[in-house]
């Protein structure tokens, strides 16, 4: 008889709020605490995979951590972080904290290039 094994599942709202807290934390661990400090941590890769389809808008300060526009969604942020760490063609950041810094840096470069383009036009 086959047994179906399923990963632990938290409500999407709980995961979304935990992710926003993660974005605003300075240390950015490789896991999320979905059910409090006494419960097992959820690996960030798994949580981000679950959040990729979220349409909830990020708070502006959380979006700014990744250099995203103020109307960015949780799903967009989760996808960007996953790609920055796991995409074979991407930057292959060593951690999600490094990926957050990388994405923020890219946003700063876009502003510089936009300014340069405006002055040469």
N, C-alpha and C. Protein backbone atom coordinates (compact mmCIF):
# COMPACT_ATOMS: atom_id res chain seq x y z
N UNK A 1 0.84 -1.17 0.00
CA UNK A 1 0.00 0.00 0.00
C UNK A 1 0.89 1.24 0.00
N UNK A 2 0.62 2.18 -0.88
CA UNK A 2 1.38 3.43 -0.97
C UNK A 2 0.82 4.45 0.00
N UNK A 3 1.71 5.15 0.65
CA UNK A 3 1.30 6.22 1.54
C UNK A 3 1.69 7.54 0.90
N UNK A 4 0.76 8.44 0.91
CA UNK A 4 1.02 9.76 0.34
C UNK A 4 1.67 10.63 1.41
N UNK A 5 2.86 11.13 1.11
CA UNK A 5 3.56 12.02 2.04
C UNK A 5 3.34 13.45 1.58
N UNK A 6 2.94 14.28 2.48
CA UNK A 6 2.67 15.67 2.14
C UNK A 6 3.49 16.59 3.05
N UNK A 7 4.04 17.62 2.44
CA UNK A 7 4.79 18.61 3.21
C UNK A 7 3.85 19.34 4.15
N UNK A 8 4.37 19.82 5.29
CA UNK A 8 3.52 20.59 6.19
C UNK A 8 2.98 21.82 5.47
N UNK A 9 1.75 22.16 5.73
CA UNK A 9 1.13 23.27 5.03
C UNK A 9 0.57 24.28 6.01
N UNK A 10 0.94 25.51 5.84
CA UNK A 10 0.40 26.59 6.66
C UNK A 10 -0.59 27.37 5.80
N UNK A 11 -1.48 28.07 6.43
CA UNK A 11 -2.38 28.89 5.65
C UNK A 11 -1.56 29.92 4.89
N UNK A 12 -2.02 30.28 3.72
CA UNK A 12 -1.25 31.23 2.91
C UNK A 12 -1.12 32.57 3.63
N UNK A 13 -2.12 32.99 4.36
CA UNK A 13 -2.05 34.26 5.08
C UNK A 13 -0.94 34.22 6.12
N UNK A 14 -0.86 33.13 6.86
CA UNK A 14 0.19 32.98 7.87
C UNK A 14 1.57 33.01 7.21
N UNK A 15 1.74 32.30 6.10
CA UNK A 15 3.01 32.29 5.38
C UNK A 15 3.34 33.67 4.81
N UNK A 16 2.33 34.36 4.30
CA UNK A 16 2.55 35.71 3.75
C UNK A 16 3.05 36.66 4.83
N UNK A 17 2.41 36.64 5.99
CA UNK A 17 2.82 37.52 7.07
C UNK A 17 4.22 37.15 7.58
N UNK A 18 4.51 35.86 7.65
CA UNK A 18 5.85 35.42 8.09
C UNK A 18 6.90 35.88 7.08
N UNK A 19 6.58 35.84 5.80
CA UNK A 19 7.51 36.28 4.76
C UNK A 19 7.76 37.78 4.85
N UNK A 20 6.72 38.56 5.07
CA UNK A 20 6.89 40.01 5.22
C UNK A 20 7.77 40.30 6.44
N UNK A 21 7.55 39.58 7.53
CA UNK A 21 8.41 39.74 8.71
C UNK A 21 9.86 39.41 8.35
N UNK A 22 10.05 38.34 7.58
CA UNK A 22 11.40 37.94 7.16
C UNK A 22 12.06 39.06 6.35
N UNK A 23 11.31 39.65 5.43
CA UNK A 23 11.87 40.73 4.61
C UNK A 23 12.34 41.90 5.48
N UNK A 24 11.61 42.19 6.53
CA UNK A 24 11.92 43.35 7.36
C UNK A 24 12.96 43.05 8.44
N UNK A 25 13.28 41.76 8.66
CA UNK A 25 14.31 41.38 9.64
C UNK A 25 15.69 41.63 9.05
N UNK A 26 16.63 42.12 9.86
CA UNK A 26 17.97 42.35 9.33
C UNK A 26 18.77 41.07 9.09
N UNK A 27 18.55 40.01 9.89
CA UNK A 27 19.39 38.81 9.76
C UNK A 27 18.94 37.84 8.67
N UNK A 28 17.69 37.80 8.30
CA UNK A 28 17.15 36.98 7.21
C UNK A 28 17.63 35.53 7.23
N UNK A 29 17.15 34.74 8.20
CA UNK A 29 17.55 33.33 8.26
C UNK A 29 17.01 32.53 7.06
N UNK A 30 17.48 31.31 6.88
CA UNK A 30 17.06 30.47 5.77
C UNK A 30 15.81 29.66 6.10
N UNK A 31 15.00 30.16 7.01
CA UNK A 31 13.76 29.49 7.37
C UNK A 31 12.74 30.54 7.84
N UNK A 32 11.49 30.12 7.89
CA UNK A 32 10.42 30.97 8.43
C UNK A 32 9.84 30.29 9.66
N UNK A 33 9.47 31.08 10.62
CA UNK A 33 8.76 30.58 11.79
C UNK A 33 7.29 30.86 11.56
N UNK A 34 6.55 29.83 11.16
CA UNK A 34 5.14 30.02 10.84
C UNK A 34 4.24 29.85 12.06
N UNK A 35 4.65 29.01 12.98
CA UNK A 35 3.79 28.68 14.11
C UNK A 35 4.39 29.06 15.46
N UNK A 36 5.26 30.04 15.49
CA UNK A 36 5.85 30.47 16.75
C UNK A 36 7.23 29.88 16.97
N UNK A 37 7.95 30.41 17.96
CA UNK A 37 9.35 30.02 18.18
C UNK A 37 9.54 28.59 18.69
N UNK A 38 8.50 27.98 19.26
CA UNK A 38 8.64 26.63 19.81
C UNK A 38 8.36 25.54 18.78
N UNK A 39 7.92 25.90 17.61
CA UNK A 39 7.60 24.92 16.57
C UNK A 39 8.75 24.79 15.58
N UNK A 40 8.72 23.73 14.82
CA UNK A 40 9.76 23.51 13.81
C UNK A 40 9.72 24.63 12.77
N UNK A 41 10.90 25.04 12.33
CA UNK A 41 11.00 26.08 11.31
C UNK A 41 10.69 25.47 9.94
N UNK A 42 10.15 26.30 9.05
CA UNK A 42 9.85 25.90 7.68
C UNK A 42 10.98 26.39 6.79
N UNK A 43 11.60 25.50 6.00
CA UNK A 43 12.66 25.95 5.09
C UNK A 43 12.16 27.05 4.16
N UNK A 44 12.95 28.07 3.99
CA UNK A 44 12.54 29.22 3.19
C UNK A 44 12.26 28.84 1.75
N UNK A 45 13.05 27.93 1.18
CA UNK A 45 12.83 27.51 -0.21
C UNK A 45 11.43 26.95 -0.37
N UNK A 46 11.00 26.11 0.57
CA UNK A 46 9.67 25.53 0.49
C UNK A 46 8.60 26.61 0.61
N UNK A 47 8.77 27.51 1.58
CA UNK A 47 7.78 28.58 1.80
C UNK A 47 7.70 29.49 0.58
N UNK A 48 8.83 29.85 0.00
CA UNK A 48 8.81 30.72 -1.19
C UNK A 48 8.10 30.04 -2.35
N UNK A 49 8.32 28.75 -2.51
CA UNK A 49 7.62 28.01 -3.55
C UNK A 49 6.11 28.08 -3.37
N UNK A 50 5.67 27.98 -2.13
CA UNK A 50 4.24 28.08 -1.82
C UNK A 50 3.71 29.49 -2.08
N UNK A 51 4.55 30.50 -1.88
CA UNK A 51 4.11 31.90 -1.97
C UNK A 51 4.16 32.47 -3.40
N UNK A 52 4.77 31.76 -4.32
CA UNK A 52 4.95 32.30 -5.68
C UNK A 52 3.64 32.71 -6.36
N UNK A 53 2.55 32.13 -5.98
CA UNK A 53 1.27 32.45 -6.62
C UNK A 53 0.46 33.49 -5.85
N UNK A 54 1.00 34.00 -4.74
CA UNK A 54 0.27 34.97 -3.93
C UNK A 54 0.08 36.29 -4.67
N UNK A 55 -1.10 36.81 -4.59
CA UNK A 55 -1.41 38.10 -5.21
C UNK A 55 -1.53 39.23 -4.19
N UNK A 56 -1.24 38.92 -2.94
CA UNK A 56 -1.30 39.94 -1.88
C UNK A 56 -0.21 40.97 -2.13
N UNK A 57 -0.55 42.24 -2.06
CA UNK A 57 0.42 43.31 -2.26
C UNK A 57 1.32 43.42 -1.03
N UNK A 58 2.61 43.52 -1.28
CA UNK A 58 3.58 43.70 -0.19
C UNK A 58 3.44 45.09 0.40
N UNK A 59 3.68 45.25 1.70
CA UNK A 59 3.79 46.60 2.24
C UNK A 59 4.96 47.30 1.53
N UNK A 60 4.85 48.60 1.37
CA UNK A 60 5.85 49.37 0.63
C UNK A 60 7.26 49.18 1.20
N UNK A 61 7.39 49.19 2.53
CA UNK A 61 8.72 49.03 3.11
C UNK A 61 9.31 47.65 2.86
N UNK A 62 8.46 46.62 2.79
CA UNK A 62 8.94 45.27 2.49
C UNK A 62 9.35 45.16 1.02
N UNK A 63 8.60 45.78 0.12
CA UNK A 63 8.94 45.77 -1.30
C UNK A 63 10.27 46.50 -1.52
N UNK A 64 10.49 47.56 -0.78
CA UNK A 64 11.72 48.36 -0.92
C UNK A 64 12.96 47.55 -0.54
N UNK A 65 12.82 46.59 0.37
CA UNK A 65 13.96 45.76 0.78
C UNK A 65 14.55 45.04 -0.43
N UNK A 66 13.71 44.68 -1.39
CA UNK A 66 14.17 43.98 -2.60
C UNK A 66 14.28 44.92 -3.80
N UNK A 67 14.03 46.20 -3.58
CA UNK A 67 14.09 47.14 -4.68
C UNK A 67 12.92 47.00 -5.65
N UNK A 68 11.80 46.46 -5.16
CA UNK A 68 10.62 46.27 -6.00
C UNK A 68 9.71 47.49 -5.92
N UNK A 69 8.85 47.62 -6.89
CA UNK A 69 7.91 48.74 -6.93
C UNK A 69 6.92 48.63 -5.76
N UNK A 70 6.32 49.74 -5.37
CA UNK A 70 5.39 49.73 -4.24
C UNK A 70 4.15 48.86 -4.45
N UNK A 71 3.85 48.51 -5.69
CA UNK A 71 2.68 47.67 -5.96
C UNK A 71 3.07 46.20 -6.16
N UNK A 72 4.28 45.81 -5.81
CA UNK A 72 4.74 44.43 -5.96
C UNK A 72 3.94 43.49 -5.07
N UNK A 73 3.78 42.26 -5.52
CA UNK A 73 3.05 41.27 -4.74
C UNK A 73 4.01 40.35 -4.00
N UNK A 74 3.48 39.65 -3.03
CA UNK A 74 4.24 38.65 -2.30
C UNK A 74 4.76 37.60 -3.29
N UNK A 75 3.93 37.20 -4.24
CA UNK A 75 4.32 36.20 -5.24
C UNK A 75 5.50 36.66 -6.08
N UNK A 76 5.49 37.92 -6.49
CA UNK A 76 6.59 38.46 -7.29
C UNK A 76 7.88 38.44 -6.48
N UNK A 77 7.82 38.88 -5.23
CA UNK A 77 9.00 38.91 -4.37
C UNK A 77 9.54 37.50 -4.14
N UNK A 78 8.65 36.55 -3.87
CA UNK A 78 9.06 35.17 -3.64
C UNK A 78 9.74 34.60 -4.88
N UNK A 79 9.17 34.86 -6.04
CA UNK A 79 9.73 34.37 -7.30
C UNK A 79 11.11 34.96 -7.55
N UNK A 80 11.26 36.25 -7.33
CA UNK A 80 12.56 36.91 -7.55
C UNK A 80 13.63 36.31 -6.65
N UNK A 81 13.29 36.06 -5.40
CA UNK A 81 14.26 35.47 -4.47
C UNK A 81 14.63 34.05 -4.88
N UNK A 82 13.62 33.25 -5.25
CA UNK A 82 13.90 31.89 -5.68
C UNK A 82 14.82 31.87 -6.90
N UNK A 83 14.54 32.72 -7.86
CA UNK A 83 15.36 32.77 -9.07
C UNK A 83 16.78 33.23 -8.77
N UNK A 84 16.93 34.20 -7.89
CA UNK A 84 18.26 34.72 -7.57
C UNK A 84 19.14 33.65 -6.92
N UNK A 85 18.52 32.69 -6.24
CA UNK A 85 19.29 31.63 -5.57
C UNK A 85 19.38 30.37 -6.44
N UNK A 86 18.31 29.99 -7.11
CA UNK A 86 18.22 28.67 -7.72
C UNK A 86 18.27 28.61 -9.24
N UNK A 87 18.10 29.71 -9.94
CA UNK A 87 18.08 29.69 -11.40
C UNK A 87 19.49 29.41 -11.94
N UNK A 88 19.68 28.35 -12.71
CA UNK A 88 21.02 28.06 -13.24
C UNK A 88 21.60 29.21 -14.07
N UNK A 89 20.75 30.00 -14.70
CA UNK A 89 21.23 31.13 -15.50
C UNK A 89 21.32 32.41 -14.69
N UNK A 90 20.88 32.36 -13.45
CA UNK A 90 20.85 33.57 -12.62
C UNK A 90 22.13 33.80 -11.86
N UNK A 91 22.08 34.69 -10.89
CA UNK A 91 23.30 35.02 -10.14
C UNK A 91 23.75 33.92 -9.19
N UNK A 92 22.88 32.97 -8.86
CA UNK A 92 23.20 31.86 -7.96
C UNK A 92 23.72 32.35 -6.61
N UNK A 93 22.97 33.27 -6.00
CA UNK A 93 23.34 33.78 -4.68
C UNK A 93 23.42 32.62 -3.69
N UNK A 94 24.31 32.74 -2.72
CA UNK A 94 24.54 31.65 -1.76
C UNK A 94 23.46 31.53 -0.70
N UNK A 95 22.69 32.58 -0.48
CA UNK A 95 21.64 32.55 0.53
C UNK A 95 20.53 33.51 0.09
N UNK A 96 19.39 33.40 0.75
CA UNK A 96 18.30 34.32 0.44
C UNK A 96 18.60 35.73 0.95
N UNK A 97 19.39 35.83 2.00
CA UNK A 97 19.81 37.15 2.47
C UNK A 97 20.69 37.81 1.41
N UNK A 98 21.62 37.05 0.84
CA UNK A 98 22.47 37.59 -0.23
C UNK A 98 21.62 37.94 -1.45
N UNK A 99 20.61 37.14 -1.73
CA UNK A 99 19.72 37.42 -2.86
C UNK A 99 18.96 38.72 -2.64
N UNK A 100 18.53 38.97 -1.40
CA UNK A 100 17.82 40.22 -1.10
C UNK A 100 18.73 41.42 -1.35
N UNK A 101 19.98 41.33 -0.92
CA UNK A 101 20.94 42.42 -1.17
C UNK A 101 21.21 42.58 -2.67
N UNK A 102 21.33 41.46 -3.35
CA UNK A 102 21.57 41.49 -4.80
C UNK A 102 20.42 42.19 -5.53
N UNK A 103 19.19 41.81 -5.20
CA UNK A 103 18.03 42.40 -5.86
C UNK A 103 17.92 43.90 -5.57
N UNK A 104 18.20 44.28 -4.33
CA UNK A 104 18.17 45.70 -3.97
C UNK A 104 19.23 46.47 -4.75
N UNK A 105 20.40 45.88 -4.91
CA UNK A 105 21.48 46.50 -5.68
C UNK A 105 21.12 46.66 -7.14
N UNK A 106 20.44 45.66 -7.71
CA UNK A 106 20.02 45.76 -9.11
C UNK A 106 19.05 46.91 -9.30
N UNK A 107 18.15 47.10 -8.34
CA UNK A 107 17.18 48.19 -8.44
C UNK A 107 17.90 49.53 -8.42
N UNK A 108 18.94 49.65 -7.60
CA UNK A 108 19.73 50.88 -7.56
C UNK A 108 20.42 51.15 -8.88
N UNK A 109 20.93 50.09 -9.52
CA UNK A 109 21.58 50.24 -10.82
C UNK A 109 20.59 50.68 -11.90
N UNK A 110 19.36 50.14 -11.84
CA UNK A 110 18.34 50.54 -12.82
C UNK A 110 18.07 52.04 -12.73
N UNK A 111 18.02 52.57 -11.50
CA UNK A 111 17.79 54.01 -11.31
C UNK A 111 18.94 54.82 -11.92
N UNK A 112 20.17 54.35 -11.74
CA UNK A 112 21.33 55.04 -12.31
C UNK A 112 21.24 55.03 -13.82
N UNK A 113 20.93 53.87 -14.41
CA UNK A 113 20.84 53.78 -15.87
C UNK A 113 19.68 54.62 -16.41
N UNK A 114 18.57 54.66 -15.69
CA UNK A 114 17.45 55.51 -16.10
C UNK A 114 17.86 56.98 -16.10
N UNK A 115 18.59 57.39 -15.07
CA UNK A 115 19.08 58.77 -14.99
C UNK A 115 20.04 59.09 -16.12
N UNK A 116 20.95 58.15 -16.43
CA UNK A 116 21.88 58.34 -17.53
C UNK A 116 21.16 58.46 -18.87
N UNK A 117 20.18 57.61 -19.06
CA UNK A 117 19.41 57.63 -20.30
C UNK A 117 18.66 58.96 -20.45
N UNK A 118 18.12 59.46 -19.35
CA UNK A 118 17.37 60.72 -19.40
C UNK A 118 18.29 61.89 -19.74
N UNK A 119 19.54 61.86 -19.28
CA UNK A 119 20.45 62.98 -19.55
C UNK A 119 21.05 62.92 -20.95
N UNK A 120 21.06 61.73 -21.56
CA UNK A 120 21.60 61.61 -22.93
C UNK A 120 20.54 61.75 -23.99
N UNK A 121 19.30 61.80 -23.61
CA UNK A 121 18.21 61.93 -24.59
C UNK A 121 17.94 63.37 -24.96
